[in-house]
Amino acid sequence: MQLNLGKLCNQACHHCHVGAGPKRTEIMSRHNARRILELLEHSTAVSAVDITGGAPEMCPSFRELVPAIRTLERRVLVRCNLTIIYESGMQWLPDFYRKNNVELICSLPCYTAENVDAQRGSGVFEKSIDALRLLNSLGYGNEPGLALDLVYNPGGATLPPPQG
């Protein structure tokens, strides 16, 4: 199951297919979040919940949804833009991810600072690398159950180069 918690995001990326950004107000209501949990309680067909947004962590229901989904013994994957953990009031996220065995799918538009900063703003590449180092120090990418995958987001209608 993939849940899109809304279009509110700390970044305004040129390549964003949903047009998310800091000025967007669309977020999943608490009522709908509770309905999702009810559905999961009564479903055996869903083994994993892939949470996306904007920055899904900015939705107030996110902090309740993740542990509730884990209690239901489902895998939780979060599509994270990495820099969200440096936003004011979001410093709890790295430990929260680890505590809840959240698998992270982290967006990094390119492997060069020039391209990332052109797409996402000055300094975003360095913040993203710092976030990866912090997550690695907590075991992400190194310990079982703490998966961290990077997603390359090229600008325009092009495919990324080979993974190697």
N, C-alpha and C. Protein backbone atom coordinates (compact mmCIF):
# COMPACT_ATOMS: atom_id res chain seq x y z
N MET A 1 0.86 -1.17 0.00
CA MET A 1 0.00 0.00 0.00
C MET A 1 0.90 1.23 0.00
N GLN A 2 0.57 2.19 -0.83
CA GLN A 2 1.30 3.45 -0.79
C GLN A 2 0.36 4.53 -0.30
N LEU A 3 0.80 5.27 0.72
CA LEU A 3 0.03 6.37 1.27
C LEU A 3 0.71 7.67 0.93
N ASN A 4 -0.02 8.58 0.31
CA ASN A 4 0.50 9.92 0.07
C ASN A 4 -0.15 10.80 1.13
N LEU A 5 0.67 11.31 2.05
CA LEU A 5 0.15 12.09 3.17
C LEU A 5 -0.09 13.55 2.83
N GLY A 6 0.23 13.97 1.62
CA GLY A 6 -0.08 15.33 1.22
C GLY A 6 0.99 15.96 0.37
N LYS A 7 0.84 17.27 0.16
CA LYS A 7 1.74 18.01 -0.71
C LYS A 7 2.61 19.01 0.04
N LEU A 8 2.50 19.06 1.35
CA LEU A 8 3.34 19.94 2.14
C LEU A 8 4.76 19.38 2.18
N CYS A 9 5.74 20.23 1.88
CA CYS A 9 7.14 19.78 1.83
C CYS A 9 8.04 20.95 2.23
N ASN A 10 9.18 20.63 2.78
CA ASN A 10 10.16 21.66 3.13
C ASN A 10 10.96 22.12 1.92
N GLN A 11 10.83 21.42 0.80
CA GLN A 11 11.53 21.78 -0.42
C GLN A 11 10.52 22.03 -1.54
N ALA A 12 10.96 22.72 -2.59
CA ALA A 12 10.14 22.95 -3.77
C ALA A 12 10.98 22.55 -4.98
N CYS A 13 11.05 21.27 -5.26
CA CYS A 13 11.93 20.73 -6.30
C CYS A 13 11.31 20.88 -7.68
N HIS A 14 12.14 21.22 -8.66
CA HIS A 14 11.68 21.39 -10.03
C HIS A 14 11.13 20.09 -10.61
N HIS A 15 11.67 18.96 -10.16
CA HIS A 15 11.27 17.68 -10.74
C HIS A 15 10.08 17.02 -10.03
N CYS A 16 9.53 17.66 -9.01
CA CYS A 16 8.45 17.04 -8.22
C CYS A 16 7.21 16.83 -9.07
N HIS A 17 6.79 15.58 -9.18
CA HIS A 17 5.63 15.25 -10.02
C HIS A 17 4.29 15.65 -9.40
N VAL A 18 4.27 15.96 -8.10
CA VAL A 18 3.01 16.36 -7.48
C VAL A 18 2.98 17.85 -7.15
N GLY A 19 4.06 18.56 -7.47
CA GLY A 19 4.10 20.00 -7.21
C GLY A 19 4.09 20.34 -5.73
N ALA A 20 4.71 19.49 -4.92
CA ALA A 20 4.76 19.72 -3.47
C ALA A 20 5.66 20.92 -3.16
N GLY A 21 5.46 21.50 -1.99
CA GLY A 21 6.30 22.61 -1.57
C GLY A 21 5.88 23.18 -0.23
N PRO A 22 6.65 24.14 0.27
CA PRO A 22 6.39 24.73 1.58
C PRO A 22 5.08 25.50 1.69
N LYS A 23 4.55 25.95 0.56
CA LYS A 23 3.31 26.73 0.59
C LYS A 23 2.06 25.89 0.36
N ARG A 24 2.25 24.60 0.11
CA ARG A 24 1.09 23.72 -0.11
C ARG A 24 0.46 23.39 1.25
N THR A 25 -0.83 23.25 1.26
CA THR A 25 -1.54 22.99 2.53
C THR A 25 -2.24 21.65 2.56
N GLU A 26 -2.26 20.93 1.44
CA GLU A 26 -2.99 19.67 1.39
C GLU A 26 -2.25 18.60 2.21
N ILE A 27 -2.91 18.08 3.23
CA ILE A 27 -2.36 16.99 4.04
C ILE A 27 -3.49 16.02 4.39
N MET A 28 -3.12 14.77 4.67
CA MET A 28 -4.11 13.77 5.06
C MET A 28 -4.68 14.13 6.43
N SER A 29 -5.99 14.06 6.53
CA SER A 29 -6.65 14.36 7.81
C SER A 29 -6.42 13.22 8.80
N ARG A 30 -6.56 13.54 10.07
CA ARG A 30 -6.46 12.50 11.12
C ARG A 30 -7.55 11.45 10.94
N HIS A 31 -8.72 11.89 10.51
CA HIS A 31 -9.82 10.96 10.26
C HIS A 31 -9.41 9.93 9.20
N ASN A 32 -8.85 10.39 8.10
CA ASN A 32 -8.44 9.46 7.05
C ASN A 32 -7.29 8.57 7.51
N ALA A 33 -6.38 9.10 8.31
CA ALA A 33 -5.29 8.28 8.85
C ALA A 33 -5.85 7.16 9.72
N ARG A 34 -6.83 7.49 10.54
CA ARG A 34 -7.47 6.46 11.38
C ARG A 34 -8.18 5.40 10.53
N ARG A 35 -8.79 5.84 9.44
CA ARG A 35 -9.47 4.90 8.54
C ARG A 35 -8.46 3.95 7.89
N ILE A 36 -7.29 4.46 7.55
CA ILE A 36 -6.23 3.62 6.98
C ILE A 36 -5.85 2.53 7.98
N LEU A 37 -5.68 2.93 9.24
CA LEU A 37 -5.33 1.96 10.28
C LEU A 37 -6.42 0.91 10.45
N GLU A 38 -7.68 1.33 10.38
CA GLU A 38 -8.79 0.36 10.47
C GLU A 38 -8.73 -0.62 9.31
N LEU A 39 -8.45 -0.12 8.13
CA LEU A 39 -8.33 -0.99 6.96
C LEU A 39 -7.21 -2.00 7.17
N LEU A 40 -6.07 -1.53 7.64
CA LEU A 40 -4.93 -2.42 7.87
C LEU A 40 -5.22 -3.46 8.95
N GLU A 41 -5.97 -3.08 9.98
CA GLU A 41 -6.32 -4.03 11.04
C GLU A 41 -7.13 -5.19 10.50
N HIS A 42 -7.90 -4.95 9.46
CA HIS A 42 -8.79 -5.97 8.92
C HIS A 42 -8.31 -6.57 7.61
N SER A 43 -7.08 -6.28 7.25
CA SER A 43 -6.55 -6.78 5.98
C SER A 43 -5.30 -7.62 6.22
N THR A 44 -5.26 -8.76 5.57
CA THR A 44 -4.03 -9.56 5.60
C THR A 44 -3.27 -9.44 4.29
N ALA A 45 -3.87 -8.74 3.31
CA ALA A 45 -3.26 -8.63 1.99
C ALA A 45 -2.12 -7.62 1.94
N VAL A 46 -2.08 -6.69 2.86
CA VAL A 46 -1.07 -5.62 2.83
C VAL A 46 0.07 -6.00 3.76
N SER A 47 1.24 -6.19 3.19
CA SER A 47 2.41 -6.56 4.00
C SER A 47 3.34 -5.38 4.25
N ALA A 48 3.22 -4.33 3.43
CA ALA A 48 4.10 -3.17 3.56
C ALA A 48 3.33 -1.90 3.24
N VAL A 49 3.70 -0.84 3.94
CA VAL A 49 3.09 0.46 3.70
C VAL A 49 4.21 1.43 3.34
N ASP A 50 4.11 2.00 2.15
CA ASP A 50 5.09 2.91 1.58
C ASP A 50 4.52 4.32 1.73
N ILE A 51 5.14 5.13 2.57
CA ILE A 51 4.60 6.45 2.91
C ILE A 51 5.37 7.53 2.16
N THR A 52 4.62 8.37 1.46
CA THR A 52 5.22 9.43 0.66
C THR A 52 4.46 10.73 0.89
N GLY A 53 4.83 11.75 0.18
CA GLY A 53 4.18 13.05 0.31
C GLY A 53 4.54 13.87 -0.91
N GLY A 54 4.67 15.07 -0.67
CA GLY A 54 5.56 16.05 -0.16
C GLY A 54 6.58 15.38 0.75
N ALA A 55 6.77 16.02 1.86
CA ALA A 55 7.58 15.42 2.92
C ALA A 55 6.57 14.82 3.90
N PRO A 56 6.38 13.50 3.87
CA PRO A 56 5.31 12.91 4.67
C PRO A 56 5.47 13.18 6.16
N GLU A 57 6.71 13.40 6.59
CA GLU A 57 6.98 13.65 8.01
C GLU A 57 6.33 14.95 8.50
N MET A 58 5.96 15.84 7.58
CA MET A 58 5.35 17.12 7.96
C MET A 58 3.86 17.00 8.24
N CYS A 59 3.27 15.87 7.89
CA CYS A 59 1.86 15.64 8.18
C CYS A 59 1.72 15.26 9.65
N PRO A 60 0.87 15.94 10.41
CA PRO A 60 0.72 15.62 11.83
C PRO A 60 0.40 14.16 12.12
N SER A 61 -0.28 13.48 11.22
CA SER A 61 -0.64 12.07 11.44
C SER A 61 0.54 11.13 11.30
N PHE A 62 1.63 11.57 10.67
CA PHE A 62 2.78 10.71 10.42
C PHE A 62 3.31 10.08 11.72
N ARG A 63 3.45 10.89 12.75
CA ARG A 63 4.04 10.44 14.02
C ARG A 63 3.20 9.36 14.69
N GLU A 64 1.90 9.33 14.41
CA GLU A 64 1.02 8.31 14.96
C GLU A 64 0.90 7.10 14.03
N LEU A 65 0.89 7.37 12.72
CA LEU A 65 0.71 6.29 11.75
C LEU A 65 1.83 5.26 11.79
N VAL A 66 3.07 5.73 11.79
CA VAL A 66 4.20 4.80 11.68
C VAL A 66 4.22 3.77 12.80
N PRO A 67 4.20 4.17 14.08
CA PRO A 67 4.22 3.13 15.12
C PRO A 67 2.96 2.24 15.11
N ALA A 68 1.83 2.82 14.73
CA ALA A 68 0.61 2.02 14.67
C ALA A 68 0.71 0.96 13.57
N ILE A 69 1.28 1.32 12.44
CA ILE A 69 1.46 0.36 11.35
C ILE A 69 2.45 -0.72 11.76
N ARG A 70 3.52 -0.33 12.43
CA ARG A 70 4.51 -1.30 12.90
C ARG A 70 3.89 -2.25 13.93
N THR A 71 3.01 -1.74 14.79
CA THR A 71 2.32 -2.58 15.77
C THR A 71 1.49 -3.64 15.06
N LEU A 72 1.00 -3.30 13.88
CA LEU A 72 0.23 -4.26 13.08
C LEU A 72 1.14 -5.19 12.29
N GLU A 73 2.43 -5.13 12.58
CA GLU A 73 3.46 -6.01 12.00
C GLU A 73 3.57 -5.89 10.48
N ARG A 74 3.45 -4.66 10.00
CA ARG A 74 3.67 -4.37 8.59
C ARG A 74 5.00 -3.65 8.43
N ARG A 75 5.66 -3.87 7.31
CA ARG A 75 6.86 -3.10 6.98
C ARG A 75 6.44 -1.66 6.71
N VAL A 76 7.30 -0.72 7.11
CA VAL A 76 7.04 0.69 6.83
C VAL A 76 8.23 1.23 6.05
N LEU A 77 7.93 1.79 4.88
CA LEU A 77 8.92 2.45 4.06
C LEU A 77 8.54 3.93 4.00
N VAL A 78 9.52 4.80 4.16
CA VAL A 78 9.25 6.23 4.08
C VAL A 78 10.12 6.83 3.00
N ARG A 79 9.50 7.58 2.11
CA ARG A 79 10.22 8.30 1.06
C ARG A 79 10.60 9.66 1.63
N CYS A 80 11.89 9.81 1.88
CA CYS A 80 12.43 10.94 2.63
C CYS A 80 13.33 11.79 1.75
N ASN A 81 13.25 13.11 1.88
CA ASN A 81 14.12 13.97 1.10
C ASN A 81 15.44 14.30 1.81
N LEU A 82 15.70 13.67 2.92
CA LEU A 82 16.91 13.79 3.73
C LEU A 82 17.00 15.09 4.52
N THR A 83 16.76 16.24 3.91
CA THR A 83 16.94 17.51 4.62
C THR A 83 15.84 17.79 5.63
N ILE A 84 14.75 17.03 5.58
CA ILE A 84 13.65 17.25 6.52
C ILE A 84 14.13 17.12 7.97
N ILE A 85 15.15 16.30 8.21
CA ILE A 85 15.59 16.09 9.59
C ILE A 85 16.28 17.32 10.17
N TYR A 86 16.61 18.29 9.32
CA TYR A 86 17.24 19.53 9.79
C TYR A 86 16.26 20.69 9.91
N GLU A 87 15.00 20.44 9.61
CA GLU A 87 14.00 21.49 9.77
C GLU A 87 13.69 21.67 11.26
N SER A 88 13.34 22.88 11.63
CA SER A 88 13.02 23.20 13.01
C SER A 88 11.93 22.27 13.54
N GLY A 89 12.18 21.65 14.67
CA GLY A 89 11.21 20.76 15.30
C GLY A 89 11.21 19.34 14.76
N MET A 90 12.09 19.02 13.83
CA MET A 90 12.09 17.69 13.23
C MET A 90 13.31 16.86 13.62
N GLN A 91 14.06 17.30 14.58
CA GLN A 91 15.29 16.60 14.97
C GLN A 91 15.02 15.22 15.57
N TRP A 92 13.81 14.94 15.94
CA TRP A 92 13.42 13.64 16.48
C TRP A 92 13.38 12.54 15.42
N LEU A 93 13.33 12.93 14.15
CA LEU A 93 13.12 11.95 13.08
C LEU A 93 14.14 10.81 13.01
N PRO A 94 15.46 11.06 13.01
CA PRO A 94 16.38 9.92 12.87
C PRO A 94 16.18 8.83 13.92
N ASP A 95 16.03 9.22 15.17
CA ASP A 95 15.81 8.22 16.23
C ASP A 95 14.44 7.55 16.07
N PHE A 96 13.45 8.31 15.65
CA PHE A 96 12.11 7.77 15.40
C PHE A 96 12.15 6.71 14.30
N TYR A 97 12.85 7.02 13.20
CA TYR A 97 13.00 6.05 12.12
C TYR A 97 13.60 4.75 12.66
N ARG A 98 14.70 4.88 13.40
CA ARG A 98 15.41 3.70 13.91
C ARG A 98 14.53 2.91 14.88
N LYS A 99 13.93 3.59 15.82
CA LYS A 99 13.10 2.94 16.83
C LYS A 99 11.97 2.14 16.19
N ASN A 100 11.43 2.64 15.08
CA ASN A 100 10.30 2.00 14.42
C ASN A 100 10.70 1.13 13.23
N ASN A 101 12.01 0.89 13.09
CA ASN A 101 12.53 0.06 11.98
C ASN A 101 11.96 0.50 10.63
N VAL A 102 11.97 1.79 10.40
CA VAL A 102 11.49 2.35 9.15
C VAL A 102 12.55 2.14 8.08
N GLU A 103 12.13 1.61 6.94
CA GLU A 103 13.03 1.50 5.79
C GLU A 103 12.95 2.82 5.03
N LEU A 104 14.10 3.40 4.75
CA LEU A 104 14.13 4.72 4.12
C LEU A 104 14.45 4.63 2.64
N ILE A 105 13.67 5.35 1.86
CA ILE A 105 13.94 5.53 0.43
C ILE A 105 14.20 7.02 0.28
N CYS A 106 15.46 7.37 0.17
CA CYS A 106 15.87 8.77 0.22
C CYS A 106 16.12 9.33 -1.18
N SER A 107 15.55 10.48 -1.42
CA SER A 107 15.67 11.14 -2.71
C SER A 107 16.92 12.02 -2.73
N LEU A 108 17.75 11.78 -3.73
CA LEU A 108 18.93 12.62 -3.97
C LEU A 108 18.99 12.82 -5.48
N PRO A 109 18.65 14.03 -5.95
CA PRO A 109 18.49 14.24 -7.38
C PRO A 109 19.71 13.91 -8.24
N CYS A 110 20.88 13.99 -7.68
CA CYS A 110 22.09 13.74 -8.46
C CYS A 110 23.24 13.49 -7.51
N TYR A 111 24.36 13.04 -8.05
CA TYR A 111 25.54 12.78 -7.24
C TYR A 111 26.51 13.97 -7.23
N THR A 112 26.11 15.09 -7.82
CA THR A 112 26.97 16.28 -7.78
C THR A 112 26.26 17.41 -7.05
N ALA A 113 27.03 18.19 -6.30
CA ALA A 113 26.46 19.32 -5.57
C ALA A 113 25.83 20.34 -6.51
N GLU A 114 26.48 20.58 -7.62
CA GLU A 114 25.99 21.57 -8.58
C GLU A 114 24.57 21.25 -9.05
N ASN A 115 24.35 20.00 -9.44
CA ASN A 115 23.02 19.61 -9.93
C ASN A 115 21.97 19.59 -8.82
N VAL A 116 22.32 19.07 -7.66
CA VAL A 116 21.35 19.03 -6.55
C VAL A 116 20.95 20.43 -6.14
N ASP A 117 21.94 21.28 -5.94
CA ASP A 117 21.63 22.64 -5.50
C ASP A 117 20.85 23.41 -6.57
N ALA A 118 21.09 23.12 -7.85
CA ALA A 118 20.32 23.77 -8.91
C ALA A 118 18.86 23.35 -8.87
N GLN A 119 18.60 22.09 -8.53
CA GLN A 119 17.22 21.59 -8.48
C GLN A 119 16.52 21.92 -7.17
N ARG A 120 17.27 21.93 -6.06
CA ARG A 120 16.63 22.02 -4.75
C ARG A 120 17.01 23.24 -3.92
N GLY A 121 18.02 23.96 -4.34
CA GLY A 121 18.43 25.15 -3.60
C GLY A 121 19.84 25.03 -3.05
N SER A 122 20.45 26.17 -2.84
CA SER A 122 21.82 26.24 -2.37
C SER A 122 22.01 25.53 -1.03
N GLY A 123 23.02 24.66 -0.97
CA GLY A 123 23.35 23.97 0.27
C GLY A 123 22.61 22.67 0.51
N VAL A 124 21.65 22.32 -0.35
CA VAL A 124 20.86 21.11 -0.13
C VAL A 124 21.72 19.85 -0.29
N PHE A 125 22.66 19.87 -1.22
CA PHE A 125 23.52 18.70 -1.40
C PHE A 125 24.29 18.40 -0.11
N GLU A 126 24.94 19.41 0.46
CA GLU A 126 25.73 19.20 1.69
C GLU A 126 24.84 18.74 2.83
N LYS A 127 23.67 19.33 2.98
CA LYS A 127 22.73 18.89 4.03
C LYS A 127 22.33 17.43 3.82
N SER A 128 22.12 17.05 2.56
CA SER A 128 21.72 15.68 2.25
C SER A 128 22.84 14.71 2.61
N ILE A 129 24.08 15.06 2.28
CA ILE A 129 25.22 14.21 2.62
C ILE A 129 25.38 14.11 4.13
N ASP A 130 25.22 15.24 4.83
CA ASP A 130 25.28 15.22 6.31
C ASP A 130 24.20 14.31 6.88
N ALA A 131 23.00 14.37 6.30
CA ALA A 131 21.90 13.52 6.77
C ALA A 131 22.22 12.05 6.54
N LEU A 132 22.79 11.73 5.38
CA LEU A 132 23.18 10.33 5.12
C LEU A 132 24.22 9.85 6.12
N ARG A 133 25.18 10.70 6.44
CA ARG A 133 26.20 10.32 7.43
C ARG A 133 25.57 10.08 8.80
N LEU A 134 24.63 10.95 9.18
CA LEU A 134 23.94 10.78 10.47
C LEU A 134 23.16 9.47 10.48
N LEU A 135 22.41 9.20 9.42
CA LEU A 135 21.63 7.96 9.35
C LEU A 135 22.53 6.74 9.34
N ASN A 136 23.66 6.81 8.63
CA ASN A 136 24.63 5.71 8.65
C ASN A 136 25.15 5.49 10.06
N SER A 137 25.40 6.56 10.81
CA SER A 137 25.92 6.43 12.18
C SER A 137 24.91 5.76 13.10
N LEU A 138 23.63 5.82 12.74
CA LEU A 138 22.57 5.16 13.52
C LEU A 138 22.34 3.72 13.06
N GLY A 139 23.10 3.29 12.06
CA GLY A 139 22.97 1.91 11.58
C GLY A 139 22.32 1.79 10.22
N TYR A 140 21.75 2.86 9.69
CA TYR A 140 21.10 2.79 8.39
C TYR A 140 22.10 2.43 7.31
N GLY A 141 21.72 1.42 6.52
CA GLY A 141 22.59 0.95 5.46
C GLY A 141 23.63 -0.05 5.94
N ASN A 142 23.69 -0.27 7.26
CA ASN A 142 24.70 -1.15 7.85
C ASN A 142 24.12 -2.29 8.67
N GLU A 143 22.94 -2.11 9.24
CA GLU A 143 22.35 -3.10 10.13
C GLU A 143 21.10 -3.72 9.50
N PRO A 144 20.86 -5.00 9.76
CA PRO A 144 19.64 -5.64 9.24
C PRO A 144 18.39 -4.88 9.71
N GLY A 145 17.45 -4.71 8.81
CA GLY A 145 16.20 -4.03 9.15
C GLY A 145 16.27 -2.53 9.02
N LEU A 146 17.47 -1.99 8.79
CA LEU A 146 17.61 -0.54 8.66
C LEU A 146 18.07 -0.20 7.24
N ALA A 147 17.21 -0.52 6.29
CA ALA A 147 17.53 -0.29 4.89
C ALA A 147 17.48 1.19 4.56
N LEU A 148 18.41 1.62 3.73
CA LEU A 148 18.42 2.98 3.22
C LEU A 148 18.79 2.90 1.74
N ASP A 149 17.84 3.22 0.91
CA ASP A 149 18.05 3.22 -0.54
C ASP A 149 18.01 4.66 -1.03
N LEU A 150 18.85 4.95 -2.03
CA LEU A 150 18.85 6.28 -2.64
C LEU A 150 18.11 6.22 -3.97
N VAL A 151 17.32 7.24 -4.23
CA VAL A 151 16.60 7.37 -5.48
C VAL A 151 17.15 8.59 -6.20
N TYR A 152 17.57 8.39 -7.44
CA TYR A 152 18.12 9.44 -8.27
C TYR A 152 16.98 10.10 -9.03
N ASN A 153 16.89 11.41 -9.00
CA ASN A 153 15.82 12.14 -9.65
C ASN A 153 16.38 13.10 -10.70
N PRO A 154 16.61 12.63 -11.91
CA PRO A 154 17.16 13.54 -12.92
C PRO A 154 16.14 14.62 -13.29
N GLY A 155 16.63 15.79 -13.63
CA GLY A 155 15.75 16.84 -14.12
C GLY A 155 15.41 16.59 -15.57
N GLY A 156 14.18 16.82 -15.95
CA GLY A 156 13.80 16.63 -17.35
C GLY A 156 13.43 15.20 -17.65
N ALA A 157 13.17 14.96 -18.92
CA ALA A 157 12.73 13.64 -19.39
C ALA A 157 13.93 12.79 -19.79
N THR A 158 14.72 12.42 -18.80
CA THR A 158 15.89 11.59 -19.06
C THR A 158 15.93 10.46 -18.03
N LEU A 159 16.63 9.42 -18.38
CA LEU A 159 16.83 8.32 -17.46
C LEU A 159 18.17 8.52 -16.74
N PRO A 160 18.29 8.03 -15.51
CA PRO A 160 19.56 8.14 -14.81
C PRO A 160 20.61 7.24 -15.44
N PRO A 161 21.87 7.50 -15.14
CA PRO A 161 22.92 6.63 -15.66
C PRO A 161 22.87 5.27 -14.95
N PRO A 162 23.65 4.28 -15.40
CA PRO A 162 23.68 2.98 -14.72
C PRO A 162 24.02 3.14 -13.24
N GLN A 163 23.45 2.29 -12.41
CA GLN A 163 23.60 2.38 -10.95
C GLN A 163 25.07 2.35 -10.52
N GLY A 164 25.89 1.52 -11.14
CA GLY A 164 27.30 1.43 -10.77
C GLY A 164 27.99 2.76 -10.83
